[in-house]
Structure formats: C-alpha cells, structure tokens
C-alpha cells in the first residue's frame, strides 16, 4: 500500500474509501494529490476483492478545484506543469469511469472547478445539504478539465451545460439534484452513513453485472440503436450462464434473497 500524503485510503468489507485530505487548502488539487488519486484508482481497479469505491473529502469542502496558489508560482513553466496535473487527474478519472466497481461520490461540501468535474464521474452521487456545485473555471481565466465537458452535457443537456460553464452559476444541493447532477440529497450529519449504506448494498450485489452496467452506459451515447442492443444481447447472454446470473434467477424463482459472490 503506498504511503499517501494527500489522500486517505482504506478497504473494509469489500468497500474502498478514498478521502481527499488537504482540508486546510479546501482539498485543492496539486500534483501530489492527483497522482495519489490515480494510484488509489489503480488499486481499486486491480483488486478483485474491492466491490465498491467511496470517494469523499475531509473537512468543510469536497474540493475547491485546482490549487491556484500553486499555479501562481509556476511562472514560465505554467503550461507544462498544469498539463502534467491535468494528465494525472484525467488518468484517475478514466480509471474510475472504466473500473468494474461502482463509484459512490459523497459530496460533503462545496465542489468547484476540478472538484465539480470529479463529482460528475460517480455512478451514484449523494450530496450533503451544505454542498454546492460550480464550474468556476472561467472565473479564473481558465477552461474546464477533469471530464466536465464530456459528462456535463450528457447529464444536464447542452444549454444547461453552457450556462454553468460560461456564467459559473452556483447550484445548491437541491438544485443539483433537480438538474440531474446528484442522485440524492441528505443532511450533513447523515451523509457518510447514507453513503456507507449505499456502498454496502452495492458491494453485496452481482459484481460482473454491475461492471457491465457501467460499460454499457458509458458507451451508449456513442453507439447507434442496433449496435447498443447487440452489446446488450451479448452481455445478458454471458450473464445468464455466470455464477451470479444463475444464482439470481434461482433466487427469484424460489422467492428468496440472492447470495452473490
């Protein structure tokens, strides 16, 4: 296990928990944090015993975005150093999006810039009542990164994505749920308990079927109808002869709770 400095990482009961751990800086992303996030994502991707991943932030903020204080010191190397940071973040996000385990994001406070982008990657996103969401990039003279221009139009539509990107409008948690950015909103006090309950439920589910759901949804908007249906047909036929598929069908017909591996 790597010796992390900017995140906390642990695994318990088949659930991996990643906590952004720069609370005094609002969990702002520097190169070290993004590298560690990618390392943690790789562990989650490669370890078959990990069935679900929980991502959250420590302290009052989920993540305020890139560490602009650090950016201001880059000088003539700003383009190279910001690109290196973006590359590390994108590596982590790509793994999160494509790994088999569902990603549950618990947004414990403001999510801005790259923090906003990171929240979009979750397969299930639960937000505390105090959470807020803002792209914030152009307010600092920057353009979006962190997959936001990919996921955001797909979640909220082009017009709403344009509004968020150009005006940096801040959405509260309830607005974010109405717009389709988050799955559920709970009180601040209930956030981690709610996220833990979701993770436990997913960890007890059929891992291969859940991994297939992720793959099918990720590729759906890039495929035509017949291509997507062919992928669905091939996937469900494989699932039907899998251990979990056989157990799930038998449990249904026997009117009992399935016991997935």
Protein backbone atom coordinates (compact mmCIF):
# COMPACT_ATOMS: atom_id res chain seq x y z
CA UNK A 1 0.00 0.00 0.00
CA UNK A 2 1.51 3.38 -0.98
CA UNK A 3 2.28 5.90 1.75
CA UNK A 4 -0.24 8.59 0.83
CA UNK A 5 0.12 12.20 1.99
CA UNK A 6 -2.78 13.99 0.29
CA UNK A 7 -5.48 11.34 0.47
CA UNK A 8 -6.66 8.75 2.94
CA UNK A 9 -7.22 5.26 1.59
CA UNK A 10 -8.58 2.11 3.19
CA UNK A 11 -10.57 -1.02 2.42
CA UNK A 12 -13.16 -2.60 4.67
CA UNK A 13 -15.90 -5.11 3.93
CA UNK A 14 -15.15 -5.02 0.18
CA UNK A 15 -15.55 -1.22 0.08
CA UNK A 16 -12.58 1.04 -0.67
CA UNK A 17 -12.78 4.56 0.76
CA UNK A 18 -10.79 7.44 -0.73
CA UNK A 19 -10.83 10.73 1.16
CA UNK A 20 -9.26 13.89 -0.27
CA UNK A 21 -7.07 15.06 2.61
CA UNK A 22 -5.94 18.66 2.18
CA UNK A 23 -8.65 20.26 4.32
CA UNK A 24 -6.72 23.46 5.07
CA UNK A 25 -6.48 24.07 1.31
CA UNK A 26 -10.10 23.10 0.65
CA UNK A 27 -8.81 19.79 -0.75
CA UNK A 28 -7.44 21.76 -3.71
CA UNK A 29 -5.72 19.62 -6.31
CA UNK A 30 -1.97 19.82 -6.62
CA UNK A 31 0.25 17.38 -8.49
CA UNK A 32 0.76 15.18 -5.44
CA UNK A 33 -2.97 14.81 -4.77
CA UNK A 34 -3.82 13.98 -8.38
CA UNK A 35 -1.02 11.42 -8.57
CA UNK A 36 -2.19 9.75 -5.38
CA UNK A 37 -5.76 9.77 -6.63
CA UNK A 38 -4.59 7.90 -9.72
CA UNK A 39 -2.64 5.41 -7.60
CA UNK A 40 -5.69 4.75 -5.44
CA UNK A 41 -7.84 4.34 -8.55
CA UNK A 42 -5.39 1.76 -9.91
CA UNK A 43 -5.57 -0.23 -6.68
CA UNK A 44 -9.37 -0.23 -6.85
CA UNK A 45 -9.29 -1.29 -10.49
CA UNK A 46 -6.85 -4.16 -9.98
CA UNK A 47 -8.08 -5.62 -6.69
CA UNK A 48 -10.94 -8.06 -7.40
CA UNK A 49 -11.95 -8.09 -3.74
CA UNK A 50 -12.98 -4.41 -3.93
CA UNK A 51 -16.65 -4.33 -4.95
CA UNK A 52 -17.45 -0.63 -4.44
CA UNK A 53 -15.45 2.60 -4.09
CA UNK A 54 -16.45 5.59 -1.96
CA UNK A 55 -14.91 9.00 -2.70
CA UNK A 56 -15.36 11.99 -0.40
CA UNK A 57 -13.49 14.98 1.04
CA UNK A 58 -12.18 15.79 4.50
CA UNK A 59 -13.37 18.91 6.30
CA UNK A 60 -15.79 21.58 5.09
CA UNK A 61 -15.08 21.21 1.37
CA UNK A 62 -15.35 18.37 -1.09
CA UNK A 63 -12.81 20.01 -3.40
CA UNK A 64 -12.40 23.65 -4.43
CA UNK A 65 -10.63 22.70 -7.68
CA UNK A 66 -7.07 23.21 -8.77
CA UNK A 67 -4.58 24.73 -6.33
CA UNK A 68 -4.48 28.20 -7.84
CA UNK A 69 -1.98 29.40 -5.24
CA UNK A 70 0.42 26.82 -6.59
CA UNK A 71 -0.47 27.75 -10.18
CA UNK A 72 0.55 31.33 -9.48
CA UNK A 73 4.12 30.21 -8.73
CA UNK A 74 4.64 28.19 -11.91
CA UNK A 75 5.91 31.12 -13.98
CA UNK A 76 7.15 30.22 -17.46
CA UNK A 77 6.52 26.54 -16.78
CA UNK A 78 2.80 27.04 -16.13
CA UNK A 79 1.68 25.32 -19.32
CA UNK A 80 3.82 22.23 -18.71
CA UNK A 81 3.01 21.95 -15.03
CA UNK A 82 -0.74 22.50 -15.39
CA UNK A 83 -0.82 19.94 -18.23
CA UNK A 84 1.02 17.43 -16.01
CA UNK A 85 -1.54 17.98 -13.24
CA UNK A 86 -4.46 17.63 -15.68
CA UNK A 87 -2.95 14.43 -17.10
CA UNK A 88 -2.73 12.87 -13.64
CA UNK A 89 -6.31 13.87 -12.83
CA UNK A 90 -7.55 12.53 -16.15
CA UNK A 91 -5.75 9.24 -15.56
CA UNK A 92 -7.60 8.83 -12.26
CA UNK A 93 -10.96 9.79 -13.76
CA UNK A 94 -10.52 7.41 -16.69
CA UNK A 95 -9.87 4.53 -14.30
CA UNK A 96 -12.82 5.46 -12.07
CA UNK A 97 -15.12 5.57 -15.10
CA UNK A 98 -13.95 2.23 -16.52
CA UNK A 99 -13.19 0.13 -13.45
CA UNK A 100 -15.62 -2.65 -12.62
CA UNK A 101 -16.57 -1.39 -9.15
CA UNK A 102 -19.30 1.27 -8.92
CA UNK A 103 -18.05 4.65 -7.69
CA UNK A 104 -20.12 6.34 -4.98
CA UNK A 105 -19.26 10.02 -4.50
CA UNK A 106 -20.25 11.67 -1.21
CA UNK A 107 -20.09 15.43 -1.75
CA UNK A 108 -19.59 16.79 1.75
CA UNK A 109 -19.32 20.49 0.87
CA UNK A 110 -18.56 22.89 -1.98
CA UNK A 111 -17.41 21.25 -5.21
CA UNK A 112 -15.86 23.74 -7.63
CA UNK A 113 -13.67 23.56 -10.69
CA UNK A 114 -11.95 20.19 -10.84
CA UNK A 115 -13.89 19.20 -7.71
CA UNK A 116 -17.11 19.81 -9.62
CA UNK A 117 -15.73 17.75 -12.50
CA UNK A 118 -14.71 14.91 -10.20
CA UNK A 119 -18.19 14.71 -8.69
CA UNK A 120 -19.71 14.07 -12.13
CA UNK A 121 -17.83 10.78 -12.52
CA UNK A 122 -19.75 8.98 -9.77
CA UNK A 123 -22.12 6.15 -10.60
CA UNK A 124 -24.10 7.23 -7.54
CA UNK A 125 -23.69 10.73 -6.10
CA UNK A 126 -25.06 11.66 -2.69
CA UNK A 127 -24.73 15.27 -1.58
CA UNK A 128 -24.88 16.88 1.83
CA UNK A 129 -27.40 19.69 2.19
CA UNK A 130 -24.49 22.15 2.51
CA UNK A 131 -22.89 21.05 -0.76
CA UNK A 132 -22.69 23.49 -3.66
CA UNK A 133 -21.64 22.98 -7.25
CA UNK A 134 -19.87 25.46 -9.54
CA UNK A 135 -17.63 25.06 -12.58
CA UNK A 136 -15.70 28.21 -11.65
CA UNK A 137 -13.04 27.76 -14.35
CA UNK A 138 -13.64 30.87 -16.44
CA UNK A 139 -13.84 32.99 -13.28
CA UNK A 140 -10.08 32.36 -13.01
CA UNK A 141 -9.50 32.79 -16.74
CA UNK A 142 -9.23 29.05 -17.25
CA UNK A 143 -11.11 26.47 -19.31
CA UNK A 144 -12.67 23.25 -17.97
CA UNK A 145 -10.90 19.95 -17.44
CA UNK A 146 -11.49 16.79 -15.43
CA UNK A 147 -14.02 15.32 -17.92
CA UNK A 148 -16.63 18.01 -17.23
CA UNK A 149 -17.16 18.87 -20.90
CA UNK A 150 -17.83 15.17 -21.54
CA UNK A 151 -20.13 14.26 -18.67
CA UNK A 152 -21.92 17.57 -18.04
CA UNK A 153 -23.80 17.87 -21.38
CA UNK A 154 -24.80 14.24 -21.07
CA UNK A 155 -26.20 14.78 -17.58
CA UNK A 156 -27.94 18.13 -17.93
CA UNK A 157 -28.11 18.87 -21.68
CA UNK A 158 -26.12 21.33 -23.77
CA UNK A 159 -27.97 24.53 -22.82
CA UNK A 160 -27.63 23.99 -19.08
CA UNK A 161 -24.02 22.92 -19.51
CA UNK A 162 -23.35 26.15 -21.39
CA UNK A 163 -24.93 28.19 -18.61
CA UNK A 164 -22.84 26.53 -15.92
CA UNK A 165 -19.62 26.78 -17.93
CA UNK A 166 -20.00 30.40 -19.10
CA UNK A 167 -21.63 32.02 -16.08
CA UNK A 168 -20.17 29.88 -13.27
CA UNK A 169 -23.61 29.69 -11.72
CA UNK A 170 -23.55 28.01 -8.34
CA UNK A 171 -26.14 25.32 -7.69
CA UNK A 172 -27.13 24.30 -4.18
CA UNK A 173 -27.61 20.63 -3.42
CA UNK A 174 -31.33 20.59 -4.17
CA UNK A 175 -30.83 22.40 -7.49
CA UNK A 176 -28.07 19.95 -8.37
CA UNK A 177 -30.42 17.04 -7.76
CA UNK A 178 -33.17 18.66 -9.82
CA UNK A 179 -30.71 19.21 -12.68
CA UNK A 180 -29.52 15.61 -12.54
CA UNK A 181 -26.03 16.17 -11.15
CA UNK A 182 -26.61 14.20 -7.95
CA UNK A 183 -28.69 11.18 -7.04
CA UNK A 184 -29.77 12.06 -3.50
CA UNK A 185 -29.50 14.93 -1.01
CA UNK A 186 -29.29 14.23 2.72
CA UNK A 187 -28.47 16.21 5.83
CA UNK A 188 -24.81 16.89 6.51
CA UNK A 189 -24.95 14.63 9.55
CA UNK A 190 -26.40 11.72 7.56
CA UNK A 191 -24.06 11.94 4.55
CA UNK A 192 -21.45 9.34 5.44
CA UNK A 193 -23.98 6.92 6.91
CA UNK A 194 -26.07 7.19 3.74
CA UNK A 195 -23.02 6.74 1.52
CA UNK A 196 -21.88 3.75 3.58
CA UNK A 197 -25.30 2.13 3.28
CA UNK A 198 -25.27 2.58 -0.50
CA UNK A 199 -21.77 1.11 -0.71
CA UNK A 200 -22.76 -1.89 1.40
CA UNK A 201 -25.76 -2.54 -0.82
CA UNK A 202 -23.68 -2.34 -3.99
CA UNK A 203 -20.87 -4.43 -2.51
CA UNK A 204 -23.40 -7.20 -1.87
CA UNK A 205 -24.63 -7.06 -5.46
CA UNK A 206 -23.56 -9.01 -8.57
CA UNK A 207 -20.14 -7.58 -9.40
CA UNK A 208 -19.98 -8.66 -13.05
CA UNK A 209 -23.48 -7.41 -13.82
CA UNK A 210 -22.73 -4.06 -12.19
CA UNK A 211 -19.49 -3.77 -14.16
CA UNK A 212 -21.46 -4.44 -17.34
CA UNK A 213 -23.96 -1.70 -16.44
CA UNK A 214 -21.06 0.77 -16.20
CA UNK A 215 -19.66 -0.29 -19.58
CA UNK A 216 -22.99 -0.18 -21.37
CA UNK A 217 -23.97 3.23 -20.04
CA UNK A 218 -20.55 4.72 -20.77
CA UNK A 219 -20.65 3.72 -24.43
CA UNK A 220 -24.38 4.22 -25.03
CA UNK A 221 -24.35 7.76 -26.41
CA UNK A 222 -21.60 6.91 -28.88
CA UNK A 223 -23.46 3.94 -30.35
CA UNK A 224 -26.39 3.55 -32.67
CA UNK A 225 -29.50 1.68 -31.54
CA UNK A 226 -28.66 -1.66 -33.17
CA UNK A 227 -25.03 -1.58 -32.02
CA UNK A 228 -26.07 -0.88 -28.44
CA UNK A 229 -28.71 -3.61 -28.49
CA UNK A 230 -26.17 -6.11 -29.82
CA UNK A 231 -23.84 -5.26 -26.93
CA UNK A 232 -26.76 -5.69 -24.52
CA UNK A 233 -27.69 -9.05 -26.04
CA UNK A 234 -24.15 -10.39 -25.84
CA UNK A 235 -23.76 -9.15 -22.26
CA UNK A 236 -27.02 -10.57 -20.90
CA UNK A 237 -26.38 -13.93 -22.54
CA UNK A 238 -22.99 -14.13 -20.80
CA UNK A 239 -24.60 -13.09 -17.52
CA UNK A 240 -27.24 -15.80 -17.83
CA UNK A 241 -24.61 -18.55 -17.53
CA UNK A 242 -22.48 -16.78 -14.91
CA UNK A 243 -22.45 -17.84 -11.26
CA UNK A 244 -24.25 -14.66 -10.21
CA UNK A 245 -26.75 -14.92 -13.05
CA UNK A 246 -27.68 -18.48 -12.20
CA UNK A 247 -27.96 -17.60 -8.51
CA UNK A 248 -30.05 -14.52 -9.23
CA UNK A 249 -32.54 -16.37 -11.42
CA UNK A 250 -32.87 -19.26 -8.97
CA UNK A 251 -33.32 -16.88 -6.04
CA UNK A 252 -36.08 -15.06 -7.92
CA UNK A 253 -37.97 -18.23 -8.75
CA UNK A 254 -37.50 -19.54 -5.21
CA UNK A 255 -38.63 -16.22 -3.74
CA UNK A 256 -35.52 -15.70 -1.62
CA UNK A 257 -32.75 -13.13 -1.40
CA UNK A 258 -29.86 -13.88 -3.77
CA UNK A 259 -26.39 -14.54 -2.39
CA UNK A 260 -23.97 -13.09 -4.90
CA UNK A 261 -20.23 -13.82 -4.75
